[in-house]
Amino acid sequence: MSTQFDHVSVVKKSNVYFDGKCVSHTVQFESGTKKTLGVILPSEQILTFEAHVPERMEIISGECLVWMGDSEESELFRAGQSFYVSGESVFRIQAKEVLDYVCHLEG
């Protein structure tokens, strides 16, 4: 597994959500694809995100609970795992510890 991205542009302005509980930066590749690299801080709060395009969330470090759509059932994800979110959908996430992630925008 690669630990870095080469030959990319990084948008300087950060994406800050939920009063700073989630912060990410957008990375643009020569091919035109985009990813975001971010951190979600641990919190009792469950954060709700809208996915407009399909996404693959790759967990780099930490662990989190994830609820897809309106499901009441959560699933635990840890470092080295990924989960998929379909486009035009919602997912909820709760970081149990500092969560480093890469969001692969696939649409």
C-alpha atoms as a PDB file:
ATOM      1  CA  MET A   1       0.000   0.000   0.000  1.00  0.00           C
ATOM      2  CA  SER A   2       1.397   3.388  -1.000  1.00  0.00           C
ATOM      3  CA  THR A   3       2.017   5.856   1.820  1.00  0.00           C
ATOM      4  CA  GLN A   4       2.061   8.959  -0.383  1.00  0.00           C
ATOM      5  CA  PHE A   5       0.619  10.490  -3.536  1.00  0.00           C
ATOM      6  CA  ASP A   6       3.067  11.831  -6.124  1.00  0.00           C
ATOM      7  CA  HIS A   7       2.548  14.477  -8.849  1.00  0.00           C
ATOM      8  CA  VAL A   8      -0.560  16.068  -7.329  1.00  0.00           C
ATOM      9  CA  SER A   9      -1.923  19.514  -6.604  1.00  0.00           C
ATOM     10  CA  VAL A  10      -3.332  20.318  -3.186  1.00  0.00           C
ATOM     11  CA  VAL A  11      -6.027  22.919  -2.615  1.00  0.00           C
ATOM     12  CA  LYS A  12      -4.675  25.235   0.101  1.00  0.00           C
ATOM     13  CA  LYS A  13      -8.033  26.000   1.715  1.00  0.00           C
ATOM     14  CA  SER A  14      -9.129  23.295   4.118  1.00  0.00           C
ATOM     15  CA  ASN A  15     -12.622  21.807   4.255  1.00  0.00           C
ATOM     16  CA  VAL A  16     -13.822  22.228   7.856  1.00  0.00           C
ATOM     17  CA  TYR A  17     -16.992  20.483   9.042  1.00  0.00           C
ATOM     18  CA  PHE A  18     -18.843  20.194  12.341  1.00  0.00           C
ATOM     19  CA  ASP A  19     -17.000  23.002  14.158  1.00  0.00           C
ATOM     20  CA  GLY A  20     -13.608  21.486  13.332  1.00  0.00           C
ATOM     21  CA  LYS A  21     -14.403  17.886  14.249  1.00  0.00           C
ATOM     22  CA  CYS A  22     -13.601  16.965  10.618  1.00  0.00           C
ATOM     23  CA  VAL A  23     -10.927  18.723   8.557  1.00  0.00           C
ATOM     24  CA  SER A  24      -9.745  17.678   5.099  1.00  0.00           C
ATOM     25  CA  HIS A  25      -7.820  18.927   2.072  1.00  0.00           C
ATOM     26  CA  THR A  26      -8.619  18.219  -1.566  1.00  0.00           C
ATOM     27  CA  VAL A  27      -5.911  16.549  -3.655  1.00  0.00           C
ATOM     28  CA  GLN A  28      -6.164  16.805  -7.452  1.00  0.00           C
ATOM     29  CA  PHE A  29      -4.381  14.326  -9.719  1.00  0.00           C
ATOM     30  CA  GLU A  30      -3.025  14.923 -13.221  1.00  0.00           C
ATOM     31  CA  SER A  31      -5.726  12.550 -14.517  1.00  0.00           C
ATOM     32  CA  GLY A  32      -8.428  14.887 -13.178  1.00  0.00           C
ATOM     33  CA  THR A  33      -9.467  12.620 -10.304  1.00  0.00           C
ATOM     34  CA  LYS A  34      -9.817  14.010  -6.802  1.00  0.00           C
ATOM     35  CA  LYS A  35      -9.421  12.670  -3.295  1.00  0.00           C
ATOM     36  CA  THR A  36      -9.699  14.270   0.090  1.00  0.00           C
ATOM     37  CA  LEU A  37      -7.274  13.581   2.923  1.00  0.00           C
ATOM     38  CA  GLY A  38      -8.693  14.237   6.335  1.00  0.00           C
ATOM     39  CA  VAL A  39      -8.940  13.733  10.048  1.00  0.00           C
ATOM     40  CA  ILE A  40     -12.037  13.237  12.173  1.00  0.00           C
ATOM     41  CA  LEU A  41     -11.599  13.867  15.886  1.00  0.00           C
ATOM     42  CA  PRO A  42     -13.127  11.494  18.421  1.00  0.00           C
ATOM     43  CA  SER A  43     -16.492  12.649  19.690  1.00  0.00           C
ATOM     44  CA  GLU A  44     -19.746  11.378  21.099  1.00  0.00           C
ATOM     45  CA  GLN A  45     -21.403  13.247  18.223  1.00  0.00           C
ATOM     46  CA  ILE A  46     -22.393  11.256  15.143  1.00  0.00           C
ATOM     47  CA  LEU A  47     -21.501  13.240  12.005  1.00  0.00           C
ATOM     48  CA  THR A  48     -23.784  13.057   8.958  1.00  0.00           C
ATOM     49  CA  PHE A  49     -22.290  13.469   5.479  1.00  0.00           C
ATOM     50  CA  GLU A  50     -23.972  13.637   2.075  1.00  0.00           C
ATOM     51  CA  ALA A  51     -22.214  11.820  -0.754  1.00  0.00           C
ATOM     52  CA  HIS A  52     -23.069  13.291  -4.148  1.00  0.00           C
ATOM     53  CA  VAL A  53     -20.790  10.902  -6.050  1.00  0.00           C
ATOM     54  CA  PRO A  54     -19.696   7.356  -5.150  1.00  0.00           C
ATOM     55  CA  GLU A  55     -16.919   7.373  -2.566  1.00  0.00           C
ATOM     56  CA  ARG A  56     -14.554   4.868  -1.044  1.00  0.00           C
ATOM     57  CA  MET A  57     -13.457   5.824   2.443  1.00  0.00           C
ATOM     58  CA  GLU A  58     -10.062   4.303   3.244  1.00  0.00           C
ATOM     59  CA  ILE A  59      -9.215   4.290   6.946  1.00  0.00           C
ATOM     60  CA  ILE A  60      -5.495   5.048   7.425  1.00  0.00           C
ATOM     61  CA  SER A  61      -5.464   5.032  11.237  1.00  0.00           C
ATOM     62  CA  GLY A  62      -8.001   4.936  14.034  1.00  0.00           C
ATOM     63  CA  GLU A  63     -11.432   3.368  14.134  1.00  0.00           C
ATOM     64  CA  CYS A  64     -14.996   4.481  13.602  1.00  0.00           C
ATOM     65  CA  LEU A  65     -18.599   3.384  13.569  1.00  0.00           C
ATOM     66  CA  VAL A  66     -20.467   3.907  10.283  1.00  0.00           C
ATOM     67  CA  TRP A  67     -24.206   3.896   9.560  1.00  0.00           C
ATOM     68  CA  MET A  68     -25.306   3.792   5.905  1.00  0.00           C
ATOM     69  CA  GLY A  69     -28.412   5.688   4.870  1.00  0.00           C
ATOM     70  CA  ASP A  70     -31.140   5.485   7.480  1.00  0.00           C
ATOM     71  CA  SER A  71     -29.899   2.179   8.902  1.00  0.00           C
ATOM     72  CA  GLU A  72     -29.944   1.801  12.682  1.00  0.00           C
ATOM     73  CA  GLU A  73     -27.173  -0.827  12.407  1.00  0.00           C
ATOM     74  CA  SER A  74     -23.589   0.435  12.570  1.00  0.00           C
ATOM     75  CA  GLU A  75     -20.426  -1.286  11.402  1.00  0.00           C
ATOM     76  CA  LEU A  76     -16.969  -0.862  12.925  1.00  0.00           C
ATOM     77  CA  PHE A  77     -14.087   0.036  10.590  1.00  0.00           C
ATOM     78  CA  ARG A  78     -10.406   0.114  11.537  1.00  0.00           C
ATOM     79  CA  ALA A  79      -7.092   1.098   9.993  1.00  0.00           C
ATOM     80  CA  GLY A  80      -6.500  -0.802   6.752  1.00  0.00           C
ATOM     81  CA  GLN A  81     -10.201  -1.165   5.972  1.00  0.00           C
ATOM     82  CA  SER A  82     -12.444   0.740   3.558  1.00  0.00           C
ATOM     83  CA  PHE A  83     -16.153   1.270   3.132  1.00  0.00           C
ATOM     84  CA  TYR A  84     -18.134   2.323   0.078  1.00  0.00           C
ATOM     85  CA  VAL A  85     -20.792   4.990  -0.162  1.00  0.00           C
ATOM     86  CA  SER A  86     -23.050   5.178  -3.201  1.00  0.00           C
ATOM     87  CA  GLY A  87     -23.663   8.511  -4.888  1.00  0.00           C
ATOM     88  CA  GLU A  88     -26.606  10.683  -3.833  1.00  0.00           C
ATOM     89  CA  SER A  89     -26.730   9.061  -0.407  1.00  0.00           C
ATOM     90  CA  VAL A  90     -26.012   9.785   3.236  1.00  0.00           C
ATOM     91  CA  PHE A  91     -23.752   8.134   5.764  1.00  0.00           C
ATOM     92  CA  ARG A  92     -23.135   8.797   9.440  1.00  0.00           C
ATOM     93  CA  ILE A  93     -19.803   8.333  11.157  1.00  0.00           C
ATOM     94  CA  GLN A  94     -18.534   8.450  14.716  1.00  0.00           C
ATOM     95  CA  ALA A  95     -14.791   8.416  15.373  1.00  0.00           C
ATOM     96  CA  LYS A  96     -13.864   6.340  18.405  1.00  0.00           C
ATOM     97  CA  GLU A  97     -10.296   7.721  18.281  1.00  0.00           C
ATOM     98  CA  VAL A  98      -8.472  10.131  15.962  1.00  0.00           C
ATOM     99  CA  LEU A  99      -9.381   8.913  12.475  1.00  0.00           C
ATOM    100  CA  ASP A 100      -7.091   9.525   9.492  1.00  0.00           C
ATOM    101  CA  TYR A 101      -8.781   8.813   6.170  1.00  0.00           C
ATOM    102  CA  VAL A 102      -8.577   9.157   2.396  1.00  0.00           C
ATOM    103  CA  CYS A 103     -11.849   9.707   0.584  1.00  0.00           C
ATOM    104  CA  HIS A 104     -11.537   8.404  -2.988  1.00  0.00           C
ATOM    105  CA  LEU A 105     -14.123  10.288  -5.065  1.00  0.00           C
ATOM    106  CA  GLU A 106     -15.150   7.779  -7.700  1.00  0.00           C
ATOM    107  CA  GLY A 107     -17.725   9.720  -9.680  1.00  0.00           C
END
